């Protein structure tokens, strides 16, 4: 097989962080085309750039701010506990987050909180 020579990069092809914008003819969320005025993006502060996902309003997986949305809860557990937890949830036709929520509620009830 013959290799094609690598294409030379031009300055117009190289993206600069924070300057990305949609194509001028790309439809907006409401279905209307994006105008040049809509293309401007407010620059992020230094703190927001260093901590991705931070903002004034908490946002959930549904994209809505507040308590109604879902947020990830990430932590590590032993593989044996994970297997047992998932098996119990599946055996009782529950989602993992529902089992965790019910477990936490039961624990708080026992503790008197």
N, C-alpha and C. Protein backbone atom coordinates (compact mmCIF):
# COMPACT_ATOMS: atom_id res chain seq x y z
N UNK A 1 0.83 -1.19 0.00
CA UNK A 1 0.00 0.00 0.00
C UNK A 1 0.87 1.25 0.00
N UNK A 2 0.41 2.24 -0.73
CA UNK A 2 1.14 3.50 -0.75
C UNK A 2 0.48 4.47 0.21
N UNK A 3 1.29 5.21 0.92
CA UNK A 3 0.78 6.21 1.86
C UNK A 3 0.63 7.53 1.15
N UNK A 4 -0.45 8.21 1.45
CA UNK A 4 -0.65 9.54 0.90
C UNK A 4 0.18 10.52 1.70
N UNK A 5 0.72 11.54 1.04
CA UNK A 5 1.47 12.54 1.79
C UNK A 5 0.53 13.32 2.71
N UNK A 6 1.02 13.68 3.86
CA UNK A 6 0.22 14.42 4.83
C UNK A 6 -0.09 15.81 4.28
N UNK A 7 -1.34 16.24 4.49
CA UNK A 7 -1.75 17.56 4.04
C UNK A 7 -1.16 18.62 4.97
N UNK A 8 -0.78 19.71 4.40
CA UNK A 8 -0.23 20.81 5.19
C UNK A 8 -1.35 21.51 5.94
N UNK A 9 -1.11 21.84 7.20
CA UNK A 9 -2.11 22.54 8.00
C UNK A 9 -2.00 24.03 7.75
N UNK A 10 -3.15 24.65 7.59
CA UNK A 10 -3.15 26.10 7.46
C UNK A 10 -3.71 26.69 8.73
N UNK A 11 -3.48 27.96 8.95
CA UNK A 11 -3.93 28.63 10.17
C UNK A 11 -5.45 28.60 10.30
N UNK A 12 -6.16 28.56 9.18
CA UNK A 12 -7.63 28.55 9.25
C UNK A 12 -8.18 27.20 9.69
N UNK A 13 -7.38 26.15 9.64
CA UNK A 13 -7.83 24.82 10.05
C UNK A 13 -7.55 24.53 11.52
N UNK A 14 -6.68 25.28 12.13
CA UNK A 14 -6.30 25.01 13.51
C UNK A 14 -7.26 25.74 14.45
N UNK A 15 -7.88 25.00 15.37
CA UNK A 15 -8.82 25.59 16.32
C UNK A 15 -8.07 26.15 17.51
N UNK A 16 -8.57 27.26 18.02
CA UNK A 16 -8.02 27.88 19.22
C UNK A 16 -9.06 27.75 20.31
N UNK A 17 -8.66 27.29 21.49
CA UNK A 17 -9.58 27.05 22.59
C UNK A 17 -10.38 28.31 22.91
N UNK A 18 -11.69 28.14 23.01
CA UNK A 18 -12.57 29.24 23.39
C UNK A 18 -13.08 30.07 22.23
N UNK A 19 -12.65 29.77 21.01
CA UNK A 19 -13.09 30.57 19.87
C UNK A 19 -14.00 29.80 18.93
N UNK A 20 -14.43 28.62 19.31
CA UNK A 20 -15.29 27.81 18.45
C UNK A 20 -16.66 28.46 18.29
N UNK A 21 -17.24 28.34 17.11
CA UNK A 21 -18.56 28.88 16.83
C UNK A 21 -19.21 27.99 15.79
N UNK A 22 -20.54 27.88 15.83
CA UNK A 22 -21.21 27.06 14.82
C UNK A 22 -21.12 27.70 13.44
N UNK A 23 -21.33 26.89 12.41
CA UNK A 23 -21.32 27.40 11.04
C UNK A 23 -22.44 28.41 10.86
N UNK A 24 -22.23 29.43 10.04
CA UNK A 24 -23.25 30.48 9.86
C UNK A 24 -24.60 29.95 9.39
N UNK A 25 -24.63 28.87 8.61
CA UNK A 25 -25.90 28.37 8.10
C UNK A 25 -26.51 27.27 8.97
N UNK A 26 -25.92 27.01 10.13
CA UNK A 26 -26.42 25.96 11.01
C UNK A 26 -27.68 26.45 11.73
N UNK A 27 -28.77 25.63 11.72
CA UNK A 27 -30.00 26.06 12.39
C UNK A 27 -29.80 26.11 13.90
N UNK A 28 -30.44 27.07 14.54
CA UNK A 28 -30.37 27.21 15.99
C UNK A 28 -31.31 26.24 16.66
N UNK A 29 -31.45 26.33 17.96
CA UNK A 29 -32.30 25.41 18.70
C UNK A 29 -33.77 25.59 18.35
N UNK A 30 -34.16 26.80 18.00
CA UNK A 30 -35.56 27.05 17.64
C UNK A 30 -35.82 26.77 16.17
N UNK A 31 -34.80 26.34 15.43
CA UNK A 31 -34.96 26.03 14.02
C UNK A 31 -34.57 27.16 13.09
N UNK A 32 -34.26 28.33 13.65
CA UNK A 32 -33.86 29.45 12.81
C UNK A 32 -32.35 29.43 12.62
N UNK A 33 -31.85 29.93 11.48
CA UNK A 33 -30.40 29.95 11.26
C UNK A 33 -29.71 30.86 12.26
N UNK A 34 -28.47 30.55 12.60
CA UNK A 34 -27.68 31.34 13.52
C UNK A 34 -27.18 32.58 12.79
N UNK A 35 -27.34 33.75 13.40
CA UNK A 35 -26.83 34.99 12.82
C UNK A 35 -25.47 35.30 13.39
N UNK A 36 -24.79 36.27 12.83
CA UNK A 36 -23.47 36.65 13.32
C UNK A 36 -23.54 37.13 14.76
N UNK A 37 -24.64 37.79 15.13
CA UNK A 37 -24.79 38.28 16.51
C UNK A 37 -24.93 37.12 17.48
N UNK A 38 -25.59 36.04 17.05
CA UNK A 38 -25.76 34.87 17.91
C UNK A 38 -24.47 34.09 18.06
N UNK A 39 -23.53 34.31 17.17
CA UNK A 39 -22.29 33.55 17.14
C UNK A 39 -21.30 33.96 18.22
N UNK A 40 -21.53 35.09 18.90
CA UNK A 40 -20.57 35.54 19.90
C UNK A 40 -20.72 34.70 21.16
N UNK A 41 -19.60 34.36 21.75
CA UNK A 41 -19.56 33.54 22.96
C UNK A 41 -18.86 34.35 24.04
N UNK A 42 -19.50 34.42 25.21
CA UNK A 42 -18.89 35.14 26.32
C UNK A 42 -17.68 34.36 26.81
N UNK A 43 -16.55 35.04 27.04
CA UNK A 43 -15.36 34.31 27.51
C UNK A 43 -15.56 33.82 28.93
N UNK A 44 -15.04 32.64 29.20
CA UNK A 44 -15.13 32.05 30.54
C UNK A 44 -14.07 32.67 31.44
N UNK A 45 -14.36 32.67 32.73
CA UNK A 45 -13.38 33.19 33.67
C UNK A 45 -12.29 32.15 33.88
N UNK A 46 -11.18 32.56 34.45
CA UNK A 46 -10.06 31.65 34.69
C UNK A 46 -10.49 30.50 35.59
N UNK A 47 -11.32 30.80 36.61
CA UNK A 47 -11.76 29.76 37.54
C UNK A 47 -12.63 28.73 36.83
N UNK A 48 -13.53 29.17 35.93
CA UNK A 48 -14.38 28.24 35.23
C UNK A 48 -13.58 27.37 34.27
N UNK A 49 -12.54 27.92 33.65
CA UNK A 49 -11.73 27.13 32.75
C UNK A 49 -10.97 26.05 33.48
N UNK A 50 -10.52 26.34 34.72
CA UNK A 50 -9.74 25.36 35.46
C UNK A 50 -10.61 24.29 36.09
N UNK A 51 -11.91 24.59 36.30
CA UNK A 51 -12.82 23.62 36.88
C UNK A 51 -14.00 23.42 35.95
N UNK A 52 -13.91 22.46 35.02
CA UNK A 52 -15.01 22.24 34.09
C UNK A 52 -16.28 21.81 34.80
N UNK A 53 -17.42 22.27 34.27
CA UNK A 53 -18.71 21.88 34.83
C UNK A 53 -19.17 22.78 35.95
N UNK A 54 -18.39 23.83 36.31
CA UNK A 54 -18.83 24.71 37.37
C UNK A 54 -19.60 25.86 36.77
N UNK A 55 -20.65 26.27 37.47
CA UNK A 55 -21.44 27.42 37.05
C UNK A 55 -22.19 27.92 38.26
N UNK A 56 -22.89 29.03 38.08
CA UNK A 56 -23.67 29.59 39.17
C UNK A 56 -24.88 28.72 39.50
N UNK A 57 -25.50 28.13 38.47
CA UNK A 57 -26.68 27.29 38.64
C UNK A 57 -26.32 25.82 38.49
N UNK A 58 -26.69 24.97 39.46
CA UNK A 58 -26.42 23.54 39.27
C UNK A 58 -27.31 23.01 38.17
N UNK A 59 -26.74 22.18 37.30
CA UNK A 59 -27.51 21.62 36.19
C UNK A 59 -27.47 20.12 36.28
N UNK A 60 -28.57 19.49 36.02
CA UNK A 60 -28.65 18.05 36.07
C UNK A 60 -28.53 17.43 34.69
N UNK A 61 -28.68 16.13 34.62
CA UNK A 61 -28.58 15.42 33.35
C UNK A 61 -29.68 15.83 32.39
N UNK A 62 -30.80 16.33 32.92
CA UNK A 62 -31.89 16.75 32.06
C UNK A 62 -31.65 18.14 31.51
N UNK A 63 -30.62 18.84 31.98
CA UNK A 63 -30.33 20.19 31.51
C UNK A 63 -31.09 21.24 32.28
N UNK A 64 -31.87 20.86 33.27
CA UNK A 64 -32.63 21.81 34.06
C UNK A 64 -31.90 22.08 35.35
N UNK A 65 -31.93 23.33 35.79
CA UNK A 65 -31.28 23.69 37.04
C UNK A 65 -32.18 23.33 38.21
N UNK A 66 -31.59 23.09 39.36
CA UNK A 66 -32.36 22.85 40.57
C UNK A 66 -32.41 21.40 40.97
N UNK A 67 -33.35 21.10 41.88
CA UNK A 67 -33.44 19.76 42.45
C UNK A 67 -34.05 18.74 41.50
N UNK A 68 -34.82 19.17 40.49
CA UNK A 68 -35.50 18.25 39.60
C UNK A 68 -34.56 17.46 38.71
N UNK A 69 -33.38 18.01 38.40
CA UNK A 69 -32.44 17.33 37.52
C UNK A 69 -31.63 16.29 38.26
N UNK A 70 -30.92 15.49 37.50
CA UNK A 70 -30.08 14.45 38.08
C UNK A 70 -28.62 14.88 37.99
N UNK A 71 -27.84 14.51 38.97
CA UNK A 71 -26.41 14.79 38.98
C UNK A 71 -25.66 13.50 39.21
N UNK A 72 -24.48 13.36 38.62
CA UNK A 72 -23.71 12.13 38.82
C UNK A 72 -23.16 12.04 40.24
N UNK A 73 -23.08 10.83 40.74
CA UNK A 73 -22.50 10.54 42.05
C UNK A 73 -21.47 9.45 41.80
N UNK A 74 -20.21 9.81 41.78
CA UNK A 74 -19.15 8.87 41.40
C UNK A 74 -18.23 8.56 42.57
N UNK A 75 -18.10 7.29 42.86
CA UNK A 75 -17.15 6.83 43.87
C UNK A 75 -16.84 5.38 43.59
N UNK A 76 -15.76 4.89 44.17
CA UNK A 76 -15.32 3.51 43.93
C UNK A 76 -15.71 2.63 45.11
N UNK A 77 -16.12 1.42 44.78
CA UNK A 77 -16.47 0.42 45.78
C UNK A 77 -15.77 -0.88 45.39
N UNK A 78 -15.61 -1.82 46.34
CA UNK A 78 -15.01 -3.11 45.98
C UNK A 78 -15.86 -3.83 44.92
N UNK A 79 -15.21 -4.58 44.06
CA UNK A 79 -15.89 -5.28 42.97
C UNK A 79 -16.96 -6.23 43.51
N UNK A 80 -16.68 -6.88 44.64
CA UNK A 80 -17.65 -7.82 45.20
C UNK A 80 -18.92 -7.09 45.66
N UNK A 81 -18.76 -5.90 46.26
CA UNK A 81 -19.92 -5.11 46.68
C UNK A 81 -20.72 -4.64 45.47
N UNK A 82 -20.03 -4.20 44.46
CA UNK A 82 -20.69 -3.74 43.22
C UNK A 82 -21.53 -4.86 42.62
N UNK A 83 -20.95 -6.05 42.53
CA UNK A 83 -21.65 -7.20 41.97
C UNK A 83 -22.88 -7.54 42.80
N UNK A 84 -22.73 -7.54 44.12
CA UNK A 84 -23.84 -7.86 45.02
C UNK A 84 -24.93 -6.80 44.94
N UNK A 85 -24.55 -5.53 44.88
CA UNK A 85 -25.49 -4.41 44.79
C UNK A 85 -26.31 -4.49 43.50
N UNK A 86 -25.60 -4.71 42.38
CA UNK A 86 -26.28 -4.80 41.08
C UNK A 86 -27.18 -6.03 41.01
N UNK A 87 -26.73 -7.14 41.57
CA UNK A 87 -27.53 -8.37 41.57
C UNK A 87 -28.80 -8.18 42.39
N UNK A 88 -28.68 -7.54 43.55
CA UNK A 88 -29.85 -7.29 44.39
C UNK A 88 -30.84 -6.40 43.66
N UNK A 89 -30.34 -5.32 43.06
CA UNK A 89 -31.23 -4.40 42.34
C UNK A 89 -31.94 -5.11 41.19
N UNK A 90 -31.22 -5.90 40.43
CA UNK A 90 -31.82 -6.62 39.30
C UNK A 90 -32.83 -7.65 39.79
N UNK A 91 -32.51 -8.32 40.87
CA UNK A 91 -33.41 -9.33 41.42
C UNK A 91 -34.70 -8.75 41.96
N UNK A 92 -34.68 -7.48 42.34
CA UNK A 92 -35.87 -6.82 42.88
C UNK A 92 -36.45 -5.81 41.88
N UNK A 93 -36.02 -5.91 40.61
CA UNK A 93 -36.53 -5.06 39.53
C UNK A 93 -36.43 -3.57 39.89
N UNK A 94 -35.25 -3.17 40.38
CA UNK A 94 -35.00 -1.78 40.76
C UNK A 94 -33.83 -1.24 39.97
N UNK A 95 -33.82 0.06 39.78
CA UNK A 95 -32.66 0.72 39.19
C UNK A 95 -31.65 0.94 40.31
N UNK A 96 -30.39 1.06 39.94
CA UNK A 96 -29.33 1.21 40.94
C UNK A 96 -29.53 2.48 41.77
N UNK A 97 -29.90 3.58 41.11
CA UNK A 97 -30.07 4.83 41.87
C UNK A 97 -31.25 4.74 42.83
N UNK A 98 -32.29 3.99 42.48
CA UNK A 98 -33.42 3.81 43.37
C UNK A 98 -33.02 2.99 44.60
N UNK A 99 -32.24 1.94 44.41
CA UNK A 99 -31.76 1.14 45.53
C UNK A 99 -30.86 1.98 46.44
N UNK A 100 -30.00 2.79 45.87
CA UNK A 100 -29.14 3.65 46.67
C UNK A 100 -29.96 4.66 47.46
N UNK A 101 -30.95 5.28 46.81
CA UNK A 101 -31.79 6.26 47.49
C UNK A 101 -32.56 5.62 48.65
N UNK A 102 -33.15 4.45 48.39
CA UNK A 102 -33.90 3.76 49.45
C UNK A 102 -32.98 3.33 50.59
N UNK A 103 -31.79 2.87 50.27
CA UNK A 103 -30.83 2.47 51.29
C UNK A 103 -30.45 3.65 52.17
N UNK A 104 -30.22 4.79 51.54
CA UNK A 104 -29.85 5.99 52.29
C UNK A 104 -30.99 6.45 53.18
N UNK A 105 -32.22 6.41 52.66
CA UNK A 105 -33.39 6.79 53.46
C UNK A 105 -33.53 5.86 54.67
N UNK A 106 -33.35 4.55 54.47
CA UNK A 106 -33.45 3.59 55.58
C UNK A 106 -32.36 3.86 56.61
N UNK A 107 -31.15 4.16 56.15
CA UNK A 107 -30.04 4.43 57.07
C UNK A 107 -30.35 5.68 57.90
N UNK A 108 -30.83 6.73 57.26
CA UNK A 108 -31.15 7.95 57.97
C UNK A 108 -32.26 7.70 58.99
N UNK A 109 -33.23 6.87 58.65
CA UNK A 109 -34.33 6.56 59.57
C UNK A 109 -33.80 5.83 60.81
N UNK A 110 -32.90 4.88 60.58
CA UNK A 110 -32.29 4.14 61.70
C UNK A 110 -31.49 5.07 62.60
N UNK A 111 -30.77 6.01 62.00
CA UNK A 111 -29.94 6.95 62.75
C UNK A 111 -30.75 8.03 63.44
N UNK A 112 -32.01 8.19 63.06
CA UNK A 112 -32.86 9.21 63.67
C UNK A 112 -32.70 10.57 63.04
N UNK A 113 -32.17 10.64 61.84
CA UNK A 113 -32.00 11.93 61.13
C UNK A 113 -33.20 12.26 60.31
